[in-house]
C-alpha atoms as a PDB file:
ATOM      1  CA  UNK A   1      -3.330  -2.519 -10.235  1.00  0.00           C
ATOM      2  CA  UNK A   2      -6.671  -1.828  -8.610  1.00  0.00           C
ATOM      3  CA  UNK A   3      -6.207   1.896  -8.105  1.00  0.00           C
ATOM      4  CA  UNK A   4      -9.582   2.148  -6.379  1.00  0.00           C
ATOM      5  CA  UNK A   5      -8.231   0.072  -3.502  1.00  0.00           C
ATOM      6  CA  UNK A   6      -5.824   2.829  -2.433  1.00  0.00           C
ATOM      7  CA  UNK A   7      -8.643   5.338  -2.220  1.00  0.00           C
ATOM      8  CA  UNK A   8     -11.042   2.893  -0.550  1.00  0.00           C
ATOM      9  CA  UNK A   9      -8.669   1.890   2.213  1.00  0.00           C
ATOM     10  CA  UNK A  10      -7.666   5.506   2.835  1.00  0.00           C
ATOM     11  CA  UNK A  11     -11.276   6.631   3.071  1.00  0.00           C
ATOM     12  CA  UNK A  12     -12.163   3.649   5.302  1.00  0.00           C
ATOM     13  CA  UNK A  13      -9.680   5.086   7.801  1.00  0.00           C
ATOM     14  CA  UNK A  14     -11.123   8.629   7.386  1.00  0.00           C
ATOM     15  CA  UNK A  15      -7.790   9.884   6.069  1.00  0.00           C
ATOM     16  CA  UNK A  16      -7.045  12.530   3.469  1.00  0.00           C
ATOM     17  CA  UNK A  17      -4.545  12.221   0.651  1.00  0.00           C
ATOM     18  CA  UNK A  18      -2.316  14.711   2.446  1.00  0.00           C
ATOM     19  CA  UNK A  19      -2.252  12.412   5.501  1.00  0.00           C
ATOM     20  CA  UNK A  20      -0.963   9.489   3.452  1.00  0.00           C
ATOM     21  CA  UNK A  21       1.444  11.702   1.533  1.00  0.00           C
ATOM     22  CA  UNK A  22       2.911  12.709   4.884  1.00  0.00           C
ATOM     23  CA  UNK A  23       3.318   9.036   5.861  1.00  0.00           C
ATOM     24  CA  UNK A  24       5.211   8.422   2.615  1.00  0.00           C
ATOM     25  CA  UNK A  25       7.134  11.705   2.884  1.00  0.00           C
ATOM     26  CA  UNK A  26       5.919  12.872  -0.533  1.00  0.00           C
ATOM     27  CA  UNK A  27       3.723  15.703  -1.805  1.00  0.00           C
ATOM     28  CA  UNK A  28      -0.048  15.295  -1.844  1.00  0.00           C
ATOM     29  CA  UNK A  29      -0.121  15.829  -5.612  1.00  0.00           C
ATOM     30  CA  UNK A  30       2.244  12.897  -6.130  1.00  0.00           C
ATOM     31  CA  UNK A  31       0.097  10.627  -3.969  1.00  0.00           C
ATOM     32  CA  UNK A  32      -3.018  11.801  -5.815  1.00  0.00           C
ATOM     33  CA  UNK A  33      -1.440  10.666  -9.084  1.00  0.00           C
ATOM     34  CA  UNK A  34      -0.940   7.190  -7.602  1.00  0.00           C
ATOM     35  CA  UNK A  35      -4.602   7.007  -6.573  1.00  0.00           C
ATOM     36  CA  UNK A  36      -5.938   8.028  -9.978  1.00  0.00           C
ATOM     37  CA  UNK A  37      -3.521   5.777 -11.857  1.00  0.00           C
ATOM     38  CA  UNK A  38      -1.595   8.571 -13.522  1.00  0.00           C
ATOM     39  CA  UNK A  39       1.665   7.277 -11.997  1.00  0.00           C
ATOM     40  CA  UNK A  40       2.755   3.813 -10.968  1.00  0.00           C
ATOM     41  CA  UNK A  41       3.399   3.579  -7.264  1.00  0.00           C
ATOM     42  CA  UNK A  42       6.912   2.366  -6.388  1.00  0.00           C
ATOM     43  CA  UNK A  43       7.215  -0.942  -4.547  1.00  0.00           C
ATOM     44  CA  UNK A  44       8.792   0.699  -1.503  1.00  0.00           C
ATOM     45  CA  UNK A  45       5.696   2.906  -1.109  1.00  0.00           C
ATOM     46  CA  UNK A  46       3.433  -0.119  -1.523  1.00  0.00           C
ATOM     47  CA  UNK A  47       5.379  -1.868   1.195  1.00  0.00           C
ATOM     48  CA  UNK A  48       5.127   1.176   3.464  1.00  0.00           C
ATOM     49  CA  UNK A  49       1.383   1.439   2.863  1.00  0.00           C
ATOM     50  CA  UNK A  50       0.847  -2.274   3.484  1.00  0.00           C
ATOM     51  CA  UNK A  51       2.652  -1.910   6.815  1.00  0.00           C
ATOM     52  CA  UNK A  52       0.757   1.278   7.660  1.00  0.00           C
ATOM     53  CA  UNK A  53      -2.648  -0.249   6.922  1.00  0.00           C
ATOM     54  CA  UNK A  54      -1.638  -3.688   8.231  1.00  0.00           C
ATOM     55  CA  UNK A  55      -2.650  -5.416   4.984  1.00  0.00           C
ATOM     56  CA  UNK A  56      -0.812  -7.366   2.316  1.00  0.00           C
ATOM     57  CA  UNK A  57       0.588  -5.773  -0.822  1.00  0.00           C
ATOM     58  CA  UNK A  58      -1.617  -8.211  -2.760  1.00  0.00           C
ATOM     59  CA  UNK A  59      -4.638  -6.624  -1.078  1.00  0.00           C
ATOM     60  CA  UNK A  60      -3.483  -3.133  -2.068  1.00  0.00           C
ATOM     61  CA  UNK A  61      -2.957  -4.336  -5.638  1.00  0.00           C
ATOM     62  CA  UNK A  62      -6.415  -5.914  -5.775  1.00  0.00           C
ATOM     63  CA  UNK A  63      -5.015  -9.433  -6.209  1.00  0.00           C
ATOM     64  CA  UNK A  64      -6.979 -10.627  -3.176  1.00  0.00           C
ATOM     65  CA  UNK A  65      -9.876  -9.397  -1.089  1.00  0.00           C
ATOM     66  CA  UNK A  66      -8.322 -10.812   2.085  1.00  0.00           C
ATOM     67  CA  UNK A  67      -6.945  -7.921   4.112  1.00  0.00           C
ATOM     68  CA  UNK A  68      -4.777  -9.866   6.549  1.00  0.00           C
ATOM     69  CA  UNK A  69      -1.058  -9.960   6.059  1.00  0.00           C
ATOM     70  CA  UNK A  70       0.804 -13.149   5.367  1.00  0.00           C
ATOM     71  CA  UNK A  71       2.708 -14.742   8.246  1.00  0.00           C
ATOM     72  CA  UNK A  72       6.453 -14.367   8.113  1.00  0.00           C
ATOM     73  CA  UNK A  73       8.315 -17.433   6.970  1.00  0.00           C
ATOM     74  CA  UNK A  74      10.327 -19.425   9.492  1.00  0.00           C
ATOM     75  CA  UNK A  75      12.436 -20.968   6.770  1.00  0.00           C
ATOM     76  CA  UNK A  76      16.069 -19.939   6.831  1.00  0.00           C
ATOM     77  CA  UNK A  77      18.198 -20.179   3.716  1.00  0.00           C
ATOM     78  CA  UNK A  78      20.776 -22.937   3.537  1.00  0.00           C
ATOM     79  CA  UNK A  79      24.267 -21.684   4.242  1.00  0.00           C
ATOM     80  CA  UNK A  80      27.117 -23.173   2.280  1.00  0.00           C
END
Protein backbone atom coordinates (compact mmCIF):
# COMPACT_ATOMS: atom_id res chain seq x y z
CA UNK A 1 0.00 0.00 0.00
CA UNK A 2 1.19 3.50 -0.79
CA UNK A 3 0.97 4.89 2.73
CA UNK A 4 2.07 8.32 1.50
CA UNK A 5 -1.19 8.63 -0.43
CA UNK A 6 -3.26 8.80 2.77
CA UNK A 7 -1.18 11.67 4.08
CA UNK A 8 -1.05 13.45 0.71
CA UNK A 9 -4.78 13.42 0.14
CA UNK A 10 -5.47 14.50 3.72
CA UNK A 11 -3.03 17.40 3.47
CA UNK A 12 -4.41 18.39 0.04
CA UNK A 13 -7.72 18.99 1.80
CA UNK A 14 -6.00 20.93 4.65
CA UNK A 15 -7.17 18.35 7.18
CA UNK A 16 -5.47 17.08 10.31
CA UNK A 17 -5.19 13.46 11.36
CA UNK A 18 -7.69 14.14 14.13
CA UNK A 19 -10.22 15.32 11.52
CA UNK A 20 -9.99 12.04 9.61
CA UNK A 21 -9.97 10.01 12.81
CA UNK A 22 -13.26 11.68 13.68
CA UNK A 23 -14.70 10.74 10.27
CA UNK A 24 -13.73 7.11 10.90
CA UNK A 25 -14.83 7.25 14.55
CA UNK A 26 -11.39 6.16 15.78
CA UNK A 27 -8.62 7.74 17.85
CA UNK A 28 -6.07 10.00 16.18
CA UNK A 29 -3.24 7.71 17.27
CA UNK A 30 -4.85 4.77 15.47
CA UNK A 31 -5.22 6.78 12.27
CA UNK A 32 -1.62 7.97 12.59
CA UNK A 33 -0.48 4.35 12.63
CA UNK A 34 -2.32 3.76 9.35
CA UNK A 35 -0.59 6.74 7.74
CA UNK A 36 2.90 5.69 8.79
CA UNK A 37 2.33 2.05 7.87
CA UNK A 38 2.56 0.70 11.39
CA UNK A 39 -0.92 -0.85 11.07
CA UNK A 40 -2.84 -2.11 8.07
CA UNK A 41 -5.97 -0.12 7.46
CA UNK A 42 -9.15 -2.24 7.40
CA UNK A 43 -11.10 -2.40 4.14
CA UNK A 44 -14.16 -0.77 5.69
CA UNK A 45 -12.06 2.29 6.60
CA UNK A 46 -10.59 2.37 3.09
CA UNK A 47 -14.10 2.31 1.69
CA UNK A 48 -15.18 5.11 4.03
CA UNK A 49 -12.16 7.21 3.09
CA UNK A 50 -12.71 6.62 -0.63
CA UNK A 51 -16.29 7.83 -0.23
CA UNK A 52 -15.21 10.78 1.92
CA UNK A 53 -12.55 11.93 -0.55
CA UNK A 54 -14.61 10.91 -3.59
CA UNK A 55 -11.79 8.75 -4.99
CA UNK A 56 -11.36 5.06 -5.71
CA UNK A 57 -9.86 2.62 -3.23
CA UNK A 58 -7.26 1.86 -5.92
CA UNK A 59 -6.22 5.51 -5.78
CA UNK A 60 -5.86 5.37 -1.99
CA UNK A 61 -3.79 2.19 -2.32
CA UNK A 62 -1.53 3.75 -4.95
CA UNK A 63 -2.61 1.28 -7.64
CA UNK A 64 -3.61 4.15 -9.93
CA UNK A 65 -2.98 7.87 -10.15
CA UNK A 66 -6.50 8.49 -11.45
CA UNK A 67 -8.55 10.02 -8.64
CA UNK A 68 -12.02 9.55 -10.10
CA UNK A 69 -14.22 6.79 -8.82
CA UNK A 70 -15.38 3.97 -11.00
CA UNK A 71 -18.96 4.10 -12.30
CA UNK A 72 -21.37 1.73 -10.64
CA UNK A 73 -22.19 -1.35 -12.64
CA UNK A 74 -25.63 -1.68 -14.20
CA UNK A 75 -25.30 -5.43 -14.44
CA UNK A 76 -27.69 -7.35 -12.25
CA UNK A 77 -26.93 -10.91 -11.21
CA UNK A 78 -28.90 -13.69 -12.84
CA UNK A 79 -31.64 -15.01 -10.59
CA UNK A 80 -32.35 -18.71 -10.65
